[in-house]
Full PDB file with SEQRES, HELIX, SHEET, SSBOND, CRYST1, ORIGX, SCALE, CONECT and MASTER records, all heavy atoms in Angstrom:
SEQRES   1 A   29  ARG PRO ARG LEU PHE HIS GLU MET CYS VAL LYS ALA LYS          
SEQRES   2 A   29  ARG TYR VAL ASP PRO LYS LEU ARG MET ILE LEU ALA GLU          
SEQRES   3 A   29  CYS TRP ASN                                                  
HELIX    1 AA1 PRO A    2  ALA A   12  1                                  11    
HELIX    2 AA2 LYS A   13  TYR A   15  5                                   3    
CRYST1    1.000    1.000    1.000  90.00  90.00  90.00 P 1           1          
ORIGX1      1.000000  0.000000  0.000000        0.00000                         
ORIGX2      0.000000  1.000000  0.000000        0.00000                         
ORIGX3      0.000000  0.000000  1.000000        0.00000                         
SCALE1      1.000000  0.000000  0.000000        0.00000                         
SCALE2      0.000000  1.000000  0.000000        0.00000                         
SCALE3      0.000000  0.000000  1.000000        0.00000                         
ATOM      1  N   ARG A   1     -22.733   8.833   0.258  1.00  0.00           N  
ATOM      2  CA  ARG A   1     -23.729   7.754   0.254  1.00  0.00           C  
ATOM      3  C   ARG A   1     -22.980   6.433   0.121  1.00  0.00           C  
ATOM      4  O   ARG A   1     -21.912   6.373  -0.507  1.00  0.00           O  
ATOM      5  CB  ARG A   1     -24.705   7.896  -0.931  1.00  0.00           C  
ATOM      6  CG  ARG A   1     -25.646   9.083  -0.846  1.00  0.00           C  
ATOM      7  CD  ARG A   1     -26.691   8.869   0.269  1.00  0.00           C  
ATOM      8  NE  ARG A   1     -27.660   9.912   0.300  1.00  0.00           N  
ATOM      9  CZ  ARG A   1     -27.536  11.054   0.968  1.00  0.00           C  
ATOM     10  NH1 ARG A   1     -26.406  11.290   1.609  1.00  0.00           N  
ATOM     11  NH2 ARG A   1     -28.480  11.943   0.966  1.00  0.00           N  
ATOM     12  N   PRO A   2     -23.499   5.342   0.669  1.00  0.00           N  
ATOM     13  CA  PRO A   2     -22.832   4.022   0.525  1.00  0.00           C  
ATOM     14  C   PRO A   2     -22.577   3.665  -0.929  1.00  0.00           C  
ATOM     15  O   PRO A   2     -21.548   3.064  -1.246  1.00  0.00           O  
ATOM     16  CB  PRO A   2     -23.806   3.056   1.194  1.00  0.00           C  
ATOM     17  CG  PRO A   2     -24.459   3.899   2.254  1.00  0.00           C  
ATOM     18  CD  PRO A   2     -24.646   5.249   1.607  1.00  0.00           C  
ATOM     19  N   ARG A   3     -23.492   4.039  -1.842  1.00  0.00           N  
ATOM     20  CA  ARG A   3     -23.286   3.691  -3.253  1.00  0.00           C  
ATOM     21  C   ARG A   3     -22.035   4.378  -3.812  1.00  0.00           C  
ATOM     22  O   ARG A   3     -21.233   3.778  -4.525  1.00  0.00           O  
ATOM     23  CB  ARG A   3     -24.527   4.125  -4.065  1.00  0.00           C  
ATOM     24  CG  ARG A   3     -24.363   3.870  -5.563  1.00  0.00           C  
ATOM     25  CD  ARG A   3     -25.598   4.358  -6.321  1.00  0.00           C  
ATOM     26  NE  ARG A   3     -25.851   5.763  -6.126  1.00  0.00           N  
ATOM     27  CZ  ARG A   3     -25.199   6.742  -6.758  1.00  0.00           C  
ATOM     28  NH1 ARG A   3     -24.245   6.448  -7.644  1.00  0.00           N  
ATOM     29  NH2 ARG A   3     -25.496   8.003  -6.531  1.00  0.00           N  
ATOM     30  N   LEU A   4     -21.876   5.651  -3.456  1.00  0.00           N  
ATOM     31  CA  LEU A   4     -20.691   6.373  -3.925  1.00  0.00           C  
ATOM     32  C   LEU A   4     -19.418   5.840  -3.274  1.00  0.00           C  
ATOM     33  O   LEU A   4     -18.359   5.788  -3.895  1.00  0.00           O  
ATOM     34  CB  LEU A   4     -20.831   7.867  -3.633  1.00  0.00           C  
ATOM     35  CG  LEU A   4     -22.019   8.569  -4.314  1.00  0.00           C  
ATOM     36  CD1 LEU A   4     -22.116  10.028  -3.854  1.00  0.00           C  
ATOM     37  CD2 LEU A   4     -21.866   8.492  -5.835  1.00  0.00           C  
ATOM     38  N   PHE A   5     -19.546   5.459  -2.015  1.00  0.00           N  
ATOM     39  CA  PHE A   5     -18.391   4.883  -1.311  1.00  0.00           C  
ATOM     40  C   PHE A   5     -17.983   3.551  -1.959  1.00  0.00           C  
ATOM     41  O   PHE A   5     -16.797   3.245  -2.093  1.00  0.00           O  
ATOM     42  CB  PHE A   5     -18.733   4.664   0.156  1.00  0.00           C  
ATOM     43  CG  PHE A   5     -17.622   4.093   0.979  1.00  0.00           C  
ATOM     44  CD1 PHE A   5     -16.401   4.752   1.084  1.00  0.00           C  
ATOM     45  CD2 PHE A   5     -17.787   2.894   1.650  1.00  0.00           C  
ATOM     46  CE1 PHE A   5     -15.370   4.236   1.849  1.00  0.00           C  
ATOM     47  CE2 PHE A   5     -16.742   2.370   2.430  1.00  0.00           C  
ATOM     48  CZ  PHE A   5     -15.537   3.033   2.518  1.00  0.00           C  
ATOM     49  N   HIS A   6     -18.975   2.768  -2.387  1.00  0.00           N  
ATOM     50  CA  HIS A   6     -18.679   1.518  -3.085  1.00  0.00           C  
ATOM     51  C   HIS A   6     -17.901   1.783  -4.369  1.00  0.00           C  
ATOM     52  O   HIS A   6     -16.918   1.093  -4.684  1.00  0.00           O  
ATOM     53  CB  HIS A   6     -19.975   0.762  -3.402  1.00  0.00           C  
ATOM     54  CG  HIS A   6     -19.768  -0.470  -4.222  1.00  0.00           C  
ATOM     55  ND1 HIS A   6     -19.922  -0.480  -5.599  1.00  0.00           N  
ATOM     56  CD2 HIS A   6     -19.377  -1.718  -3.873  1.00  0.00           C  
ATOM     57  CE1 HIS A   6     -19.648  -1.691  -6.054  1.00  0.00           C  
ATOM     58  NE2 HIS A   6     -19.326  -2.476  -5.030  1.00  0.00           N  
ATOM     59  N   GLU A   7     -18.308   2.781  -5.134  1.00  0.00           N  
ATOM     60  CA  GLU A   7     -17.599   3.143  -6.352  1.00  0.00           C  
ATOM     61  C   GLU A   7     -16.139   3.535  -6.045  1.00  0.00           C  
ATOM     62  O   GLU A   7     -15.222   3.177  -6.776  1.00  0.00           O  
ATOM     63  CB  GLU A   7     -18.310   4.289  -7.065  1.00  0.00           C  
ATOM     64  CG  GLU A   7     -19.699   3.913  -7.606  1.00  0.00           C  
ATOM     65  CD  GLU A   7     -20.395   5.095  -8.237  1.00  0.00           C  
ATOM     66  OE1 GLU A   7     -19.750   6.157  -8.368  1.00  0.00           O  
ATOM     67  OE2 GLU A   7     -21.577   4.978  -8.601  1.00  0.00           O  
ATOM     68  N   MET A   8     -15.963   4.281  -4.938  1.00  0.00           N  
ATOM     69  CA  MET A   8     -14.614   4.694  -4.563  1.00  0.00           C  
ATOM     70  C   MET A   8     -13.770   3.479  -4.189  1.00  0.00           C  
ATOM     71  O   MET A   8     -12.586   3.385  -4.566  1.00  0.00           O  
ATOM     72  CB  MET A   8     -14.696   5.673  -3.368  1.00  0.00           C  
ATOM     73  CG  MET A   8     -13.310   6.120  -2.870  1.00  0.00           C  
ATOM     74  SD  MET A   8     -13.425   7.160  -1.388  1.00  0.00           S  
ATOM     75  CE  MET A   8     -14.098   8.657  -2.093  1.00  0.00           C  
ATOM     76  N   CYS A   9     -14.370   2.526  -3.484  1.00  0.00           N  
ATOM     77  CA  CYS A   9     -13.624   1.317  -3.092  1.00  0.00           C  
ATOM     78  C   CYS A   9     -13.208   0.518  -4.326  1.00  0.00           C  
ATOM     79  O   CYS A   9     -12.081   0.031  -4.373  1.00  0.00           O  
ATOM     80  CB  CYS A   9     -14.492   0.464  -2.175  1.00  0.00           C  
ATOM     81  SG  CYS A   9     -14.745   1.147  -0.511  1.00  0.00           S  
ATOM     82  N   VAL A  10     -14.086   0.378  -5.278  1.00  0.00           N  
ATOM     83  CA  VAL A  10     -13.781  -0.356  -6.487  1.00  0.00           C  
ATOM     84  C   VAL A  10     -12.619   0.318  -7.244  1.00  0.00           C  
ATOM     85  O   VAL A  10     -11.664  -0.335  -7.684  1.00  0.00           O  
ATOM     86  CB  VAL A  10     -15.020  -0.468  -7.396  1.00  0.00           C  
ATOM     87  CG1 VAL A  10     -14.645  -1.062  -8.756  1.00  0.00           C  
ATOM     88  CG2 VAL A  10     -16.078  -1.338  -6.705  1.00  0.00           C  
ATOM     89  N   LYS A  11     -12.684   1.636  -7.381  1.00  0.00           N  
ATOM     90  CA  LYS A  11     -11.636   2.352  -8.093  1.00  0.00           C  
ATOM     91  C   LYS A  11     -10.323   2.311  -7.309  1.00  0.00           C  
ATOM     92  O   LYS A  11      -9.243   2.350  -7.904  1.00  0.00           O  
ATOM     93  CB  LYS A  11     -12.067   3.795  -8.322  1.00  0.00           C  
ATOM     94  CG  LYS A  11     -13.239   3.923  -9.287  1.00  0.00           C  
ATOM     95  CD  LYS A  11     -13.683   5.381  -9.426  1.00  0.00           C  
ATOM     96  CE  LYS A  11     -14.884   5.481 -10.370  1.00  0.00           C  
ATOM     97  NZ  LYS A  11     -15.356   6.900 -10.481  1.00  0.00           N  
ATOM     98  N   ALA A  12     -10.394   2.274  -5.963  1.00  0.00           N  
ATOM     99  CA  ALA A  12      -9.176   2.272  -5.146  1.00  0.00           C  
ATOM    100  C   ALA A  12      -8.316   1.051  -5.424  1.00  0.00           C  
ATOM    101  O   ALA A  12      -7.083   1.108  -5.244  1.00  0.00           O  
ATOM    102  CB  ALA A  12      -9.562   2.347  -3.661  1.00  0.00           C  
ATOM    103  N   LYS A  13      -8.942  -0.035  -5.861  1.00  0.00           N  
ATOM    104  CA  LYS A  13      -8.158  -1.265  -6.063  1.00  0.00           C  
ATOM    105  C   LYS A  13      -7.124  -1.084  -7.190  1.00  0.00           C  
ATOM    106  O   LYS A  13      -6.144  -1.827  -7.247  1.00  0.00           O  
ATOM    107  CB  LYS A  13      -9.098  -2.433  -6.397  1.00  0.00           C  
ATOM    108  CG  LYS A  13      -9.956  -2.847  -5.216  1.00  0.00           C  
ATOM    109  CD  LYS A  13     -10.669  -4.163  -5.445  1.00  0.00           C  
ATOM    110  CE  LYS A  13     -11.766  -4.059  -6.461  1.00  0.00           C  
ATOM    111  NZ  LYS A  13     -12.527  -5.349  -6.556  1.00  0.00           N  
ATOM    112  N   ARG A  14      -7.341  -0.121  -8.062  1.00  0.00           N  
ATOM    113  CA  ARG A  14      -6.371   0.132  -9.141  1.00  0.00           C  
ATOM    114  C   ARG A  14      -5.030   0.603  -8.597  1.00  0.00           C  
ATOM    115  O   ARG A  14      -4.012   0.481  -9.271  1.00  0.00           O  
ATOM    116  CB  ARG A  14      -6.906   1.203 -10.100  1.00  0.00           C  
ATOM    117  CG  ARG A  14      -8.279   0.925 -10.686  1.00  0.00           C  
ATOM    118  CD  ARG A  14      -8.766   2.143 -11.466  1.00  0.00           C  
ATOM    119  NE  ARG A  14     -10.128   2.008 -11.912  1.00  0.00           N  
ATOM    120  CZ  ARG A  14     -10.811   3.012 -12.489  1.00  0.00           C  
ATOM    121  NH1 ARG A  14     -10.205   4.174 -12.697  1.00  0.00           N  
ATOM    122  NH2 ARG A  14     -12.066   2.847 -12.857  1.00  0.00           N  
ATOM    123  N   TYR A  15      -5.028   1.159  -7.397  1.00  0.00           N  
ATOM    124  CA  TYR A  15      -3.834   1.812  -6.892  1.00  0.00           C  
ATOM    125  C   TYR A  15      -3.155   1.047  -5.755  1.00  0.00           C  
ATOM    126  O   TYR A  15      -2.257   1.559  -5.103  1.00  0.00           O  
ATOM    127  CB  TYR A  15      -4.209   3.229  -6.383  1.00  0.00           C  
ATOM    128  CG  TYR A  15      -4.895   4.057  -7.416  1.00  0.00           C  
ATOM    129  CD1 TYR A  15      -6.282   4.162  -7.451  1.00  0.00           C  
ATOM    130  CD2 TYR A  15      -4.172   4.722  -8.414  1.00  0.00           C  
ATOM    131  CE1 TYR A  15      -6.933   4.920  -8.427  1.00  0.00           C  
ATOM    132  CE2 TYR A  15      -4.799   5.477  -9.391  1.00  0.00           C  
ATOM    133  CZ  TYR A  15      -6.192   5.556  -9.391  1.00  0.00           C  
ATOM    134  OH  TYR A  15      -6.820   6.297 -10.365  1.00  0.00           O  
ATOM    135  N   VAL A  16      -3.609  -0.189  -5.524  1.00  0.00           N  
ATOM    136  CA  VAL A  16      -3.020  -0.972  -4.428  1.00  0.00           C  
ATOM    137  C   VAL A  16      -1.678  -1.521  -4.850  1.00  0.00           C  
ATOM    138  O   VAL A  16      -1.515  -2.080  -5.937  1.00  0.00           O  
ATOM    139  CB  VAL A  16      -3.976  -2.134  -4.052  1.00  0.00           C  
ATOM    140  CG1 VAL A  16      -3.310  -3.027  -3.002  1.00  0.00           C  
ATOM    141  CG2 VAL A  16      -5.284  -1.570  -3.519  1.00  0.00           C  
ATOM    142  N   ASP A  17      -0.719  -1.370  -3.974  1.00  0.00           N  
ATOM    143  CA  ASP A  17       0.602  -1.981  -4.200  1.00  0.00           C  
ATOM    144  C   ASP A  17       0.448  -3.500  -4.160  1.00  0.00           C  
ATOM    145  O   ASP A  17       0.008  -4.043  -3.128  1.00  0.00           O  
ATOM    146  CB  ASP A  17       1.555  -1.517  -3.090  1.00  0.00           C  
ATOM    147  CG  ASP A  17       2.983  -2.009  -3.293  1.00  0.00           C  
ATOM    148  OD1 ASP A  17       3.169  -3.055  -3.950  1.00  0.00           O  
ATOM    149  OD2 ASP A  17       3.926  -1.356  -2.751  1.00  0.00           O  
ATOM    150  N   PRO A  18       0.755  -4.221  -5.218  1.00  0.00           N  
ATOM    151  CA  PRO A  18       0.546  -5.674  -5.230  1.00  0.00           C  
ATOM    152  C   PRO A  18       1.345  -6.388  -4.148  1.00  0.00           C  
ATOM    153  O   PRO A  18       0.973  -7.504  -3.750  1.00  0.00           O  
ATOM    154  CB  PRO A  18       0.973  -6.075  -6.644  1.00  0.00           C  
ATOM    155  CG  PRO A  18       1.842  -4.969  -7.123  1.00  0.00           C  
ATOM    156  CD  PRO A  18       1.324  -3.719  -6.487  1.00  0.00           C  
ATOM    157  N   LYS A  19       2.443  -5.805  -3.711  1.00  0.00           N  
ATOM    158  CA  LYS A  19       3.229  -6.429  -2.644  1.00  0.00           C  
ATOM    159  C   LYS A  19       2.572  -6.186  -1.278  1.00  0.00           C  
ATOM    160  O   LYS A  19       2.684  -7.030  -0.373  1.00  0.00           O  
ATOM    161  CB  LYS A  19       4.659  -5.884  -2.623  1.00  0.00           C  
ATOM    162  CG  LYS A  19       5.446  -6.220  -3.885  1.00  0.00           C  
ATOM    163  CD  LYS A  19       6.857  -5.655  -3.797  1.00  0.00           C  
ATOM    164  CE  LYS A  19       7.651  -5.973  -5.040  1.00  0.00           C  
ATOM    165  NZ  LYS A  19       9.042  -5.402  -4.972  1.00  0.00           N  
ATOM    166  N   LEU A  20       1.914  -5.073  -1.136  1.00  0.00           N  
ATOM    167  CA  LEU A  20       1.278  -4.737   0.160  1.00  0.00           C  
ATOM    168  C   LEU A  20      -0.091  -5.355   0.274  1.00  0.00           C  
ATOM    169  O   LEU A  20      -0.480  -5.879   1.330  1.00  0.00           O  
ATOM    170  CB  LEU A  20       1.190  -3.213   0.292  1.00  0.00           C  
ATOM    171  CG  LEU A  20       0.654  -2.682   1.626  1.00  0.00           C  
ATOM    172  CD1 LEU A  20       1.604  -3.047   2.763  1.00  0.00           C  
ATOM    173  CD2 LEU A  20       0.498  -1.156   1.566  1.00  0.00           C  
ATOM    174  N   ARG A  21      -0.869  -5.259  -0.832  1.00  0.00           N  
ATOM    175  CA  ARG A  21      -2.241  -5.808  -0.844  1.00  0.00           C  
ATOM    176  C   ARG A  21      -3.057  -5.298   0.360  1.00  0.00           C  
ATOM    177  O   ARG A  21      -3.656  -6.068   1.085  1.00  0.00           O  
ATOM    178  CB  ARG A  21      -2.217  -7.339  -0.862  1.00  0.00           C  
ATOM    179  CG  ARG A  21      -1.637  -7.933  -2.128  1.00  0.00           C  
ATOM    180  CD  ARG A  21      -1.594  -9.437  -2.100  1.00  0.00           C  
ATOM    181  NE  ARG A  21      -2.912 -10.019  -1.809  1.00  0.00           N  
ATOM    182  CZ  ARG A  21      -3.875 -10.163  -2.726  1.00  0.00           C  
ATOM    183  NH1 ARG A  21      -3.666  -9.789  -3.970  1.00  0.00           N  
ATOM    184  NH2 ARG A  21      -5.029 -10.719  -2.389  1.00  0.00           N  
ATOM    185  N   MET A  22      -3.085  -3.983   0.511  1.00  0.00           N  
ATOM    186  CA  MET A  22      -3.793  -3.425   1.674  1.00  0.00           C  
ATOM    187  C   MET A  22      -4.396  -2.064   1.308  1.00  0.00           C  
ATOM    188  O   MET A  22      -3.787  -1.280   0.598  1.00  0.00           O  
ATOM    189  CB  MET A  22      -2.823  -3.244   2.857  1.00  0.00           C  
ATOM    190  CG  MET A  22      -3.496  -2.668   4.104  1.00  0.00           C  
ATOM    191  SD  MET A  22      -2.313  -2.426   5.459  1.00  0.00           S  
ATOM    192  CE  MET A  22      -1.875  -4.123   5.809  1.00  0.00           C  
ATOM    193  N   ILE A  23      -5.612  -1.825   1.812  1.00  0.00           N  
ATOM    194  CA  ILE A  23      -6.260  -0.531   1.710  1.00  0.00           C  
ATOM    195  C   ILE A  23      -6.719  -0.136   3.104  1.00  0.00           C  
ATOM    196  O   ILE A  23      -7.288  -0.952   3.840  1.00  0.00           O  
ATOM    197  CB  ILE A  23      -7.475  -0.585   0.744  1.00  0.00           C  
ATOM    198  CG1 ILE A  23      -7.002  -0.772  -0.703  1.00  0.00           C  
ATOM    199  CG2 ILE A  23      -8.315   0.665   0.876  1.00  0.00           C  
ATOM    200  CD1 ILE A  23      -8.127  -0.878  -1.691  1.00  0.00           C  
ATOM    201  N   LEU A  24      -6.448   1.098   3.465  1.00  0.00           N  
ATOM    202  CA  LEU A  24      -6.845   1.603   4.796  1.00  0.00           C  
ATOM    203  C   LEU A  24      -8.104   2.443   4.657  1.00  0.00           C  
ATOM    204  O   LEU A  24      -8.156   3.390   3.877  1.00  0.00           O  
ATOM    205  CB  LEU A  24      -5.710   2.447   5.397  1.00  0.00           C  
ATOM    206  CG  LEU A  24      -6.015   3.099   6.758  1.00  0.00           C  
ATOM    207  CD1 LEU A  24      -6.212   2.047   7.824  1.00  0.00           C  
ATOM    208  CD2 LEU A  24      -4.891   4.031   7.130  1.00  0.00           C  
ATOM    209  N   ALA A  25      -9.144   2.081   5.417  1.00  0.00           N  
ATOM    210  CA  ALA A  25     -10.377   2.832   5.420  1.00  0.00           C  
ATOM    211  C   ALA A  25     -10.351   3.787   6.611  1.00  0.00           C  
ATOM    212  O   ALA A  25     -10.184   3.363   7.742  1.00  0.00           O  
ATOM    213  CB  ALA A  25     -11.602   1.900   5.515  1.00  0.00           C  
ATOM    214  N   GLU A  26     -10.562   5.063   6.355  1.00  0.00           N  
ATOM    215  CA  GLU A  26     -10.516   6.089   7.401  1.00  0.00           C  
ATOM    216  C   GLU A  26     -11.904   6.728   7.483  1.00  0.00           C  
ATOM    217  O   GLU A  26     -12.329   7.389   6.545  1.00  0.00           O  
ATOM    218  CB  GLU A  26      -9.432   7.103   7.088  1.00  0.00           C  
ATOM    219  CG  GLU A  26      -9.542   8.473   7.699  1.00  0.00           C  
ATOM    220  CD  GLU A  26      -9.460   8.456   9.197  1.00  0.00           C  
ATOM    221  OE1 GLU A  26      -8.979   7.489   9.749  1.00  0.00           O  
ATOM    222  OE2 GLU A  26      -9.961   9.406   9.835  1.00  0.00           O  
ATOM    223  N   CYS A  27     -12.644   6.568   8.529  1.00  0.00           N  
ATOM    224  CA  CYS A  27     -12.299   5.780   9.709  1.00  0.00           C  
ATOM    225  C   CYS A  27     -13.580   5.217  10.296  1.00  0.00           C  
ATOM    226  O   CYS A  27     -14.652   5.397   9.744  1.00  0.00           O  
ATOM    227  CB  CYS A  27     -11.534   6.589  10.731  1.00  0.00           C  
ATOM    228  SG  CYS A  27     -12.373   8.083  11.167  1.00  0.00           S  
ATOM    229  N   TRP A  28     -13.494   4.526  11.425  1.00  0.00           N  
ATOM    230  CA  TRP A  28     -14.618   3.758  11.963  1.00  0.00           C  
ATOM    231  C   TRP A  28     -15.753   4.641  12.472  1.00  0.00           C  
ATOM    232  O   TRP A  28     -16.911   4.470  12.103  1.00  0.00           O  
ATOM    233  CB  TRP A  28     -14.139   2.836  13.069  1.00  0.00           C  
ATOM    234  CG  TRP A  28     -15.222   2.034  13.709  1.00  0.00           C  
ATOM    235  CD1 TRP A  28     -15.727   2.210  14.970  1.00  0.00           C  
ATOM    236  CD2 TRP A  28     -15.956   0.934  13.162  1.00  0.00           C  
ATOM    237  NE1 TRP A  28     -16.731   1.286  15.220  1.00  0.00           N  
ATOM    238  CE2 TRP A  28     -16.875   0.504  14.124  1.00  0.00           C  
ATOM    239  CE3 TRP A  28     -15.898   0.286  11.925  1.00  0.00           C  
ATOM    240  CZ2 TRP A  28     -17.765  -0.544  13.910  1.00  0.00           C  
ATOM    241  CZ3 TRP A  28     -16.787  -0.763  11.710  1.00  0.00           C  
ATOM    242  CH2 TRP A  28     -17.702  -1.187  12.689  1.00  0.00           C  
ATOM    243  N   ASN A  29     -15.445   5.642  13.316  1.00  0.00           N  
ATOM    244  CA  ASN A  29     -16.549   6.378  13.936  1.00  0.00           C  
ATOM    245  C   ASN A  29     -16.232   7.861  14.178  1.00  0.00           C  
ATOM    246  O   ASN A  29     -16.567   8.395  15.233  1.00  0.00           O  
ATOM    247  CB  ASN A  29     -16.933   5.724  15.269  1.00  0.00           C  
ATOM    248  CG  ASN A  29     -15.799   5.720  16.262  1.00  0.00           C  
ATOM    249  OD1 ASN A  29     -14.666   6.093  15.942  1.00  0.00           O  
ATOM    250  ND2 ASN A  29     -16.074   5.298  17.483  1.00  0.00           N  
TER     251      ASN A  29                                                      
MASTER        0    0    0    2    0    0    0    6  250    1    0    3          
END                                                                             
């Protein structure tokens, strides 16, 4: 569900490399 996906996105920020500053969403369609 989009709500659960939002929670995953928020939690994913904890693991971002500060030098990279990038998250890859898999996938479009």
